Amino acid sequence: MLPLLLFAAVATVTCEKVKIGDISTLHHAVSGELYALDDKTLMVKNFNYDGAGPDAFFWVGKEGTPEKTNEDATAILAHPFEGKHYEYRNDDAPILKAASNEAVTLILPENMKVSDIKWLSVWCRKFAVDFGNLMFPADIQLPGASSLPSPLIPPTNDLEAVAEPEPESEPESEPESEPESEPEYEHGSNSVDAEPESEPATKGEPEPEPKATGTILSCSLVSVFAVLAAVRLF
């Protein structure tokens, strides 16, 4: 079920397109609506051109304007695209043919992204004439820029939820330390057991008492005999 949902999400993202603007009409009936499909793909919807230019093509740049720019920061976007990109001075670049309400897909080279582009032009290199152009806005919101990261958030939350019980296991080690202290109390009980050893000493103290009473009795007997002897003398 989850793979199907992910596939549906990707499919909806790929079908999205963001309109950048309308290509202005300057020469040869050039017109069209420019869209961004992703950061590497542009599409011209309802493209029109009479095909009269001898050396015309789609041309994009990352600096300046079509009339004043650095050629090294530009690229020819071939149509139809056959897996090859061309620099501005490359004579092998295919010449743009006539079109009427045509949908044109333009693929950017590896060193260029839609977010880097400042302008697009239908340009005639031979006469250095701009047939029609579009200056890119600075705040283009590309398709899927905000929706793609959202499916990645739930897995990170699940990981955090799994990691949360780990701190709870730390208090479990605290009861283990408490039994370790219990043997100390057992040693204390040994010291309490030593106290009864002094009790026999206290019990031994009454033992001399019979001796004291014996001496007292012997003294009393001596005194009795002495009294008897004195009576006889009288």
C-alpha atoms as a PDB file:
ATOM      1  CA  MET A   1       0.000   0.000   0.000  1.00  0.00           C
ATOM      2  CA  LEU A   2       2.800   2.404   0.913  1.00  0.00           C
ATOM      3  CA  PRO A   3       4.631   1.951  -2.442  1.00  0.00           C
ATOM      4  CA  LEU A   4       1.378   2.777  -4.240  1.00  0.00           C
ATOM      5  CA  LEU A   5       0.951   5.963  -2.222  1.00  0.00           C
ATOM      6  CA  LEU A   6       4.533   7.003  -2.903  1.00  0.00           C
ATOM      7  CA  PHE A   7       4.081   6.301  -6.609  1.00  0.00           C
ATOM      8  CA  ALA A   8       0.915   8.401  -6.654  1.00  0.00           C
ATOM      9  CA  ALA A   9       2.715  11.260  -4.894  1.00  0.00           C
ATOM     10  CA  VAL A  10       5.551  11.173  -7.414  1.00  0.00           C
ATOM     11  CA  ALA A  11       3.101  11.031 -10.285  1.00  0.00           C
ATOM     12  CA  THR A  12       1.233  14.104  -9.077  1.00  0.00           C
ATOM     13  CA  VAL A  13       4.508  15.986  -8.638  1.00  0.00           C
ATOM     14  CA  THR A  14       5.700  15.086 -12.135  1.00  0.00           C
ATOM     15  CA  CYS A  15       2.378  16.284 -13.588  1.00  0.00           C
ATOM     16  CA  GLU A  16       2.703  19.661 -11.905  1.00  0.00           C
ATOM     17  CA  LYS A  17       4.016  22.638 -13.826  1.00  0.00           C
ATOM     18  CA  VAL A  18       4.639  26.215 -12.827  1.00  0.00           C
ATOM     19  CA  LYS A  19       4.054  29.002 -15.308  1.00  0.00           C
ATOM     20  CA  ILE A  20       7.005  31.339 -15.629  1.00  0.00           C
ATOM     21  CA  GLY A  21       5.400  33.764 -18.075  1.00  0.00           C
ATOM     22  CA  ASP A  22       4.546  34.531 -21.694  1.00  0.00           C
ATOM     23  CA  ILE A  23       7.152  34.905 -24.431  1.00  0.00           C
ATOM     24  CA  SER A  24       6.949  38.369 -25.951  1.00  0.00           C
ATOM     25  CA  THR A  25       6.337  38.752 -29.684  1.00  0.00           C
ATOM     26  CA  LEU A  26       9.079  40.789 -31.388  1.00  0.00           C
ATOM     27  CA  HIS A  27       9.569  39.196 -34.839  1.00  0.00           C
ATOM     28  CA  HIS A  28       8.309  36.313 -36.986  1.00  0.00           C
ATOM     29  CA  ALA A  29       5.121  35.794 -34.962  1.00  0.00           C
ATOM     30  CA  VAL A  30       6.979  34.236 -32.047  1.00  0.00           C
ATOM     31  CA  SER A  31       4.746  33.565 -29.007  1.00  0.00           C
ATOM     32  CA  GLY A  32       4.097  30.970 -26.341  1.00  0.00           C
ATOM     33  CA  GLU A  33       3.628  30.245 -22.652  1.00  0.00           C
ATOM     34  CA  LEU A  34       6.691  29.067 -20.721  1.00  0.00           C
ATOM     35  CA  TYR A  35       6.384  26.559 -17.849  1.00  0.00           C
ATOM     36  CA  ALA A  36       8.855  24.852 -15.517  1.00  0.00           C
ATOM     37  CA  LEU A  37       8.275  21.119 -15.086  1.00  0.00           C
ATOM     38  CA  ASP A  38      11.221  20.692 -12.710  1.00  0.00           C
ATOM     39  CA  ASP A  39      14.637  22.259 -12.141  1.00  0.00           C
ATOM     40  CA  LYS A  40      16.013  20.744 -15.360  1.00  0.00           C
ATOM     41  CA  THR A  41      13.030  20.891 -17.727  1.00  0.00           C
ATOM     42  CA  LEU A  42      11.113  23.720 -19.424  1.00  0.00           C
ATOM     43  CA  MET A  43       8.021  23.485 -21.596  1.00  0.00           C
ATOM     44  CA  VAL A  44       6.709  26.040 -24.108  1.00  0.00           C
ATOM     45  CA  LYS A  45       2.981  25.633 -24.520  1.00  0.00           C
ATOM     46  CA  ASN A  46       1.182  26.902 -27.626  1.00  0.00           C
ATOM     47  CA  PHE A  47       4.460  27.853 -29.268  1.00  0.00           C
ATOM     48  CA  ASN A  48       4.190  29.766 -32.541  1.00  0.00           C
ATOM     49  CA  TYR A  49       6.925  30.699 -35.018  1.00  0.00           C
ATOM     50  CA  ASP A  50       6.829  31.233 -38.803  1.00  0.00           C
ATOM     51  CA  GLY A  51      10.202  29.529 -39.344  1.00  0.00           C
ATOM     52  CA  ALA A  52      11.644  32.370 -41.447  1.00  0.00           C
ATOM     53  CA  GLY A  53      14.795  32.883 -39.404  1.00  0.00           C
ATOM     54  CA  PRO A  54      17.954  31.417 -41.008  1.00  0.00           C
ATOM     55  CA  ASP A  55      19.764  30.627 -37.744  1.00  0.00           C
ATOM     56  CA  ALA A  56      17.216  30.654 -34.922  1.00  0.00           C
ATOM     57  CA  PHE A  57      17.014  28.532 -31.767  1.00  0.00           C
ATOM     58  CA  PHE A  58      15.947  28.638 -28.138  1.00  0.00           C
ATOM     59  CA  TRP A  59      18.676  30.357 -26.128  1.00  0.00           C
ATOM     60  CA  VAL A  60      18.897  30.785 -22.325  1.00  0.00           C
ATOM     61  CA  GLY A  61      21.332  32.686 -20.144  1.00  0.00           C
ATOM     62  CA  LYS A  62      22.258  33.092 -16.487  1.00  0.00           C
ATOM     63  CA  GLU A  63      23.441  36.702 -16.806  1.00  0.00           C
ATOM     64  CA  GLY A  64      22.377  40.002 -18.368  1.00  0.00           C
ATOM     65  CA  THR A  65      19.952  40.037 -21.312  1.00  0.00           C
ATOM     66  CA  PRO A  66      19.887  38.393 -24.749  1.00  0.00           C
ATOM     67  CA  GLU A  67      21.412  41.523 -26.286  1.00  0.00           C
ATOM     68  CA  LYS A  68      24.118  41.891 -23.641  1.00  0.00           C
ATOM     69  CA  THR A  69      25.406  38.804 -21.874  1.00  0.00           C
ATOM     70  CA  ASN A  70      28.380  36.525 -21.320  1.00  0.00           C
ATOM     71  CA  GLU A  71      28.262  33.762 -23.933  1.00  0.00           C
ATOM     72  CA  ASP A  72      29.939  31.323 -21.513  1.00  0.00           C
ATOM     73  CA  ALA A  73      26.908  31.660 -19.207  1.00  0.00           C
ATOM     74  CA  THR A  74      24.445  30.718 -21.972  1.00  0.00           C
ATOM     75  CA  ALA A  75      23.264  27.544 -23.684  1.00  0.00           C
ATOM     76  CA  ILE A  76      21.339  26.569 -26.813  1.00  0.00           C
ATOM     77  CA  LEU A  77      18.338  24.381 -26.005  1.00  0.00           C
ATOM     78  CA  ALA A  78      17.898  22.176 -29.055  1.00  0.00           C
ATOM     79  CA  HIS A  79      14.443  21.311 -30.372  1.00  0.00           C
ATOM     80  CA  PRO A  80      13.804  18.536 -30.994  1.00  0.00           C
ATOM     81  CA  PHE A  81      16.148  17.341 -28.234  1.00  0.00           C
ATOM     82  CA  GLU A  82      18.306  14.364 -29.228  1.00  0.00           C
ATOM     83  CA  GLY A  83      20.400  14.002 -26.084  1.00  0.00           C
ATOM     84  CA  LYS A  84      22.978  16.676 -26.944  1.00  0.00           C
ATOM     85  CA  HIS A  85      23.545  20.238 -25.767  1.00  0.00           C
ATOM     86  CA  TYR A  86      25.271  23.012 -27.687  1.00  0.00           C
ATOM     87  CA  GLU A  87      27.317  26.060 -26.835  1.00  0.00           C
ATOM     88  CA  TYR A  88      26.529  29.365 -28.498  1.00  0.00           C
ATOM     89  CA  ARG A  89      29.284  29.166 -31.151  1.00  0.00           C
ATOM     90  CA  ASN A  90      28.621  25.527 -32.062  1.00  0.00           C
ATOM     91  CA  ASP A  91      27.456  25.478 -35.714  1.00  0.00           C
ATOM     92  CA  ASP A  92      26.053  21.968 -35.291  1.00  0.00           C
ATOM     93  CA  ALA A  93      23.123  23.296 -33.276  1.00  0.00           C
ATOM     94  CA  PRO A  94      19.833  22.447 -35.081  1.00  0.00           C
ATOM     95  CA  ILE A  95      17.872  25.322 -36.603  1.00  0.00           C
ATOM     96  CA  LEU A  96      14.392  25.952 -35.209  1.00  0.00           C
ATOM     97  CA  LYS A  97      11.565  25.084 -37.619  1.00  0.00           C
ATOM     98  CA  ALA A  98       8.122  26.606 -37.944  1.00  0.00           C
ATOM     99  CA  ALA A  99       5.568  25.756 -35.283  1.00  0.00           C
ATOM    100  CA  SER A 100       1.875  26.413 -34.660  1.00  0.00           C
ATOM    101  CA  ASN A 101       0.455  26.003 -31.142  1.00  0.00           C
ATOM    102  CA  GLU A 102       3.077  23.359 -30.498  1.00  0.00           C
ATOM    103  CA  ALA A 103       4.129  21.960 -27.115  1.00  0.00           C
ATOM    104  CA  VAL A 104       7.932  22.162 -26.932  1.00  0.00           C
ATOM    105  CA  THR A 105       9.984  20.438 -24.215  1.00  0.00           C
ATOM    106  CA  LEU A 106      13.405  21.932 -23.489  1.00  0.00           C
ATOM    107  CA  ILE A 107      16.071  20.064 -21.472  1.00  0.00           C
ATOM    108  CA  LEU A 108      18.759  22.065 -19.680  1.00  0.00           C
ATOM    109  CA  PRO A 109      22.448  21.050 -19.710  1.00  0.00           C
ATOM    110  CA  GLU A 110      24.106  19.601 -16.600  1.00  0.00           C
ATOM    111  CA  ASN A 111      25.715  22.895 -15.585  1.00  0.00           C
ATOM    112  CA  MET A 112      22.426  24.813 -15.600  1.00  0.00           C
ATOM    113  CA  LYS A 113      19.176  24.740 -13.600  1.00  0.00           C
ATOM    114  CA  VAL A 114      15.881  26.544 -14.048  1.00  0.00           C
ATOM    115  CA  SER A 115      16.594  28.478 -10.869  1.00  0.00           C
ATOM    116  CA  ASP A 116      19.828  29.776 -12.468  1.00  0.00           C
ATOM    117  CA  ILE A 117      18.218  31.156 -15.633  1.00  0.00           C
ATOM    118  CA  LYS A 118      17.616  34.892 -16.049  1.00  0.00           C
ATOM    119  CA  TRP A 119      16.067  34.879 -19.521  1.00  0.00           C
ATOM    120  CA  LEU A 120      14.949  32.806 -22.521  1.00  0.00           C
ATOM    121  CA  SER A 121      14.965  33.999 -26.123  1.00  0.00           C
ATOM    122  CA  VAL A 122      14.121  32.786 -29.595  1.00  0.00           C
ATOM    123  CA  TRP A 123      17.341  34.119 -31.041  1.00  0.00           C
ATOM    124  CA  CYS A 124      18.779  34.435 -34.545  1.00  0.00           C
ATOM    125  CA  ARG A 125      22.533  34.049 -34.223  1.00  0.00           C
ATOM    126  CA  LYS A 126      23.355  35.069 -37.815  1.00  0.00           C
ATOM    127  CA  PHE A 127      21.791  38.532 -37.511  1.00  0.00           C
ATOM    128  CA  ALA A 128      21.944  38.810 -33.685  1.00  0.00           C
ATOM    129  CA  VAL A 129      18.218  39.497 -33.552  1.00  0.00           C
ATOM    130  CA  ASP A 130      15.835  38.637 -30.736  1.00  0.00           C
ATOM    131  CA  PHE A 131      12.562  37.261 -32.164  1.00  0.00           C
ATOM    132  CA  GLY A 132      10.903  37.048 -28.756  1.00  0.00           C
ATOM    133  CA  ASN A 133      11.987  36.670 -25.121  1.00  0.00           C
ATOM    134  CA  LEU A 134      10.966  36.224 -21.516  1.00  0.00           C
ATOM    135  CA  MET A 135      12.796  37.583 -18.472  1.00  0.00           C
ATOM    136  CA  PHE A 136      12.524  35.142 -15.563  1.00  0.00           C
ATOM    137  CA  PRO A 137      11.080  36.383 -12.234  1.00  0.00           C
ATOM    138  CA  ALA A 138      13.348  36.100  -9.199  1.00  0.00           C
ATOM    139  CA  ASP A 139      10.828  34.208  -7.037  1.00  0.00           C
ATOM    140  CA  ILE A 140      10.074  31.130  -9.145  1.00  0.00           C
ATOM    141  CA  GLN A 141       8.492  28.347  -7.064  1.00  0.00           C
ATOM    142  CA  LEU A 142       9.561  25.146  -8.795  1.00  0.00           C
ATOM    143  CA  PRO A 143       7.236  22.098  -8.857  1.00  0.00           C
ATOM    144  CA  GLY A 144       7.666  19.788  -5.864  1.00  0.00           C
ATOM    145  CA  ALA A 145      10.024  22.184  -4.053  1.00  0.00           C
ATOM    146  CA  SER A 146       7.855  22.147  -0.900  1.00  0.00           C
ATOM    147  CA  SER A 147       5.919  18.863  -1.319  1.00  0.00           C
ATOM    148  CA  LEU A 148       8.785  16.392  -1.812  1.00  0.00           C
ATOM    149  CA  PRO A 149      10.375  16.701   1.661  1.00  0.00           C
ATOM    150  CA  SER A 150       7.042  16.171   3.465  1.00  0.00           C
ATOM    151  CA  PRO A 151       6.929  12.346   3.091  1.00  0.00           C
ATOM    152  CA  LEU A 152      10.368  12.176   4.736  1.00  0.00           C
ATOM    153  CA  ILE A 153       9.171  13.800   7.986  1.00  0.00           C
ATOM    154  CA  PRO A 154       7.095  10.885   9.450  1.00  0.00           C
ATOM    155  CA  PRO A 155      10.024   8.393   9.407  1.00  0.00           C
ATOM    156  CA  THR A 156      12.212  10.862  11.343  1.00  0.00           C
ATOM    157  CA  ASN A 157       9.424  11.293  13.927  1.00  0.00           C
ATOM    158  CA  ASP A 158       9.167   7.511  14.298  1.00  0.00           C
ATOM    159  CA  LEU A 159      12.885   7.275  14.936  1.00  0.00           C
ATOM    160  CA  GLU A 160      12.679   9.957  17.577  1.00  0.00           C
ATOM    161  CA  ALA A 161       9.755   8.125  19.185  1.00  0.00           C
ATOM    162  CA  VAL A 162      11.838   4.961  19.338  1.00  0.00           C
ATOM    163  CA  ALA A 163      14.772   6.841  20.771  1.00  0.00           C
ATOM    164  CA  GLU A 164      12.665   8.418  23.525  1.00  0.00           C
ATOM    165  CA  PRO A 165      12.427   5.275  25.714  1.00  0.00           C
ATOM    166  CA  GLU A 166      16.237   5.076  25.845  1.00  0.00           C
ATOM    167  CA  PRO A 167      16.556   7.791  28.532  1.00  0.00           C
ATOM    168  CA  GLU A 168      13.861   5.907  30.528  1.00  0.00           C
ATOM    169  CA  SER A 169      16.165   2.907  30.795  1.00  0.00           C
ATOM    170  CA  GLU A 170      18.795   4.985  32.601  1.00  0.00           C
ATOM    171  CA  PRO A 171      16.810   5.139  35.914  1.00  0.00           C
ATOM    172  CA  GLU A 172      16.680   1.321  35.847  1.00  0.00           C
ATOM    173  CA  SER A 173      20.366   1.254  36.734  1.00  0.00           C
ATOM    174  CA  GLU A 174      19.682   3.263  39.906  1.00  0.00           C
ATOM    175  CA  PRO A 175      17.899   0.402  41.758  1.00  0.00           C
ATOM    176  CA  GLU A 176      20.895  -1.790  40.905  1.00  0.00           C
ATOM    177  CA  SER A 177      23.158   0.525  42.903  1.00  0.00           C
ATOM    178  CA  GLU A 178      20.826   0.309  45.945  1.00  0.00           C
ATOM    179  CA  PRO A 179      21.361  -3.434  46.508  1.00  0.00           C
ATOM    180  CA  GLU A 180      25.082  -2.772  46.387  1.00  0.00           C
ATOM    181  CA  SER A 181      24.702  -0.590  49.467  1.00  0.00           C
ATOM    182  CA  GLU A 182      22.726  -3.331  51.281  1.00  0.00           C
ATOM    183  CA  PRO A 183      25.833  -5.420  52.007  1.00  0.00           C
ATOM    184  CA  GLU A 184      27.135  -2.385  53.894  1.00  0.00           C
ATOM    185  CA  TYR A 185      24.110  -2.593  56.106  1.00  0.00           C
ATOM    186  CA  GLU A 186      24.903  -6.305  56.594  1.00  0.00           C
ATOM    187  CA  HIS A 187      28.337  -5.330  57.803  1.00  0.00           C
ATOM    188  CA  GLY A 188      26.580  -2.972  60.162  1.00  0.00           C
ATOM    189  CA  SER A 189      24.504  -5.909  61.421  1.00  0.00           C
ATOM    190  CA  ASN A 190      27.750  -7.704  62.114  1.00  0.00           C
ATOM    191  CA  SER A 191      28.783  -4.824  64.348  1.00  0.00           C
ATOM    192  CA  VAL A 192      25.454  -5.095  66.160  1.00  0.00           C
ATOM    193  CA  ASP A 193      26.104  -8.794  66.705  1.00  0.00           C
ATOM    194  CA  ALA A 194      29.315  -7.841  68.467  1.00  0.00           C
ATOM    195  CA  GLU A 195      27.361  -6.037  71.197  1.00  0.00           C
ATOM    196  CA  PRO A 196      26.022  -9.221  72.826  1.00  0.00           C
ATOM    197  CA  GLU A 197      29.659 -10.313  73.344  1.00  0.00           C
ATOM    198  CA  SER A 198      29.892  -7.671  76.079  1.00  0.00           C
ATOM    199  CA  GLU A 199      26.752  -9.038  77.746  1.00  0.00           C
ATOM    200  CA  PRO A 200      28.512 -12.118  79.174  1.00  0.00           C
ATOM    201  CA  ALA A 201      30.931  -9.724  80.844  1.00  0.00           C
ATOM    202  CA  THR A 202      28.033  -8.074  82.637  1.00  0.00           C
ATOM    203  CA  LYS A 203      26.639 -11.507  83.516  1.00  0.00           C
ATOM    204  CA  GLY A 204      30.013 -12.505  84.901  1.00  0.00           C
ATOM    205  CA  GLU A 205      29.994  -9.651  87.392  1.00  0.00           C
ATOM    206  CA  PRO A 206      27.390 -11.249  89.756  1.00  0.00           C
ATOM    207  CA  GLU A 207      29.570 -14.391  90.049  1.00  0.00           C
ATOM    208  CA  PRO A 208      31.863 -12.838  92.730  1.00  0.00           C
ATOM    209  CA  GLU A 209      28.743 -12.025  94.797  1.00  0.00           C
ATOM    210  CA  PRO A 210      28.578 -15.506  96.368  1.00  0.00           C
ATOM    211  CA  LYS A 211      32.182 -15.074  97.491  1.00  0.00           C
ATOM    212  CA  ALA A 212      31.330 -11.827  99.232  1.00  0.00           C
ATOM    213  CA  THR A 213      28.384 -13.380 100.990  1.00  0.00           C
ATOM    214  CA  GLY A 214      30.606 -16.322 102.060  1.00  0.00           C
ATOM    215  CA  THR A 215      33.086 -14.003 103.712  1.00  0.00           C
ATOM    216  CA  ILE A 216      30.281 -12.149 105.426  1.00  0.00           C
ATOM    217  CA  LEU A 217      28.864 -15.442 106.745  1.00  0.00           C
ATOM    218  CA  SER A 218      32.274 -16.623 107.936  1.00  0.00           C
ATOM    219  CA  CYS A 219      32.803 -13.362 109.794  1.00  0.00           C
ATOM    220  CA  SER A 220      29.424 -13.652 111.448  1.00  0.00           C
ATOM    221  CA  LEU A 221      30.214 -17.232 112.566  1.00  0.00           C
ATOM    222  CA  VAL A 222      33.524 -16.093 114.055  1.00  0.00           C
ATOM    223  CA  SER A 223      31.740 -13.384 115.976  1.00  0.00           C
ATOM    224  CA  VAL A 224      29.179 -15.917 117.257  1.00  0.00           C
ATOM    225  CA  PHE A 225      31.900 -18.276 118.497  1.00  0.00           C
ATOM    226  CA  ALA A 226      33.625 -15.354 120.155  1.00  0.00           C
ATOM    227  CA  VAL A 227      30.450 -14.417 121.986  1.00  0.00           C
ATOM    228  CA  LEU A 228      29.931 -18.035 123.114  1.00  0.00           C
ATOM    229  CA  ALA A 229      33.487 -18.216 124.449  1.00  0.00           C
ATOM    230  CA  ALA A 230      33.046 -15.019 126.384  1.00  0.00           C
ATOM    231  CA  VAL A 231      29.848 -16.336 128.000  1.00  0.00           C
ATOM    232  CA  ARG A 232      31.669 -19.446 129.187  1.00  0.00           C
ATOM    233  CA  LEU A 233      34.354 -17.344 130.838  1.00  0.00           C
ATOM    234  CA  PHE A 234      31.824 -15.559 132.897  1.00  0.00           C
END
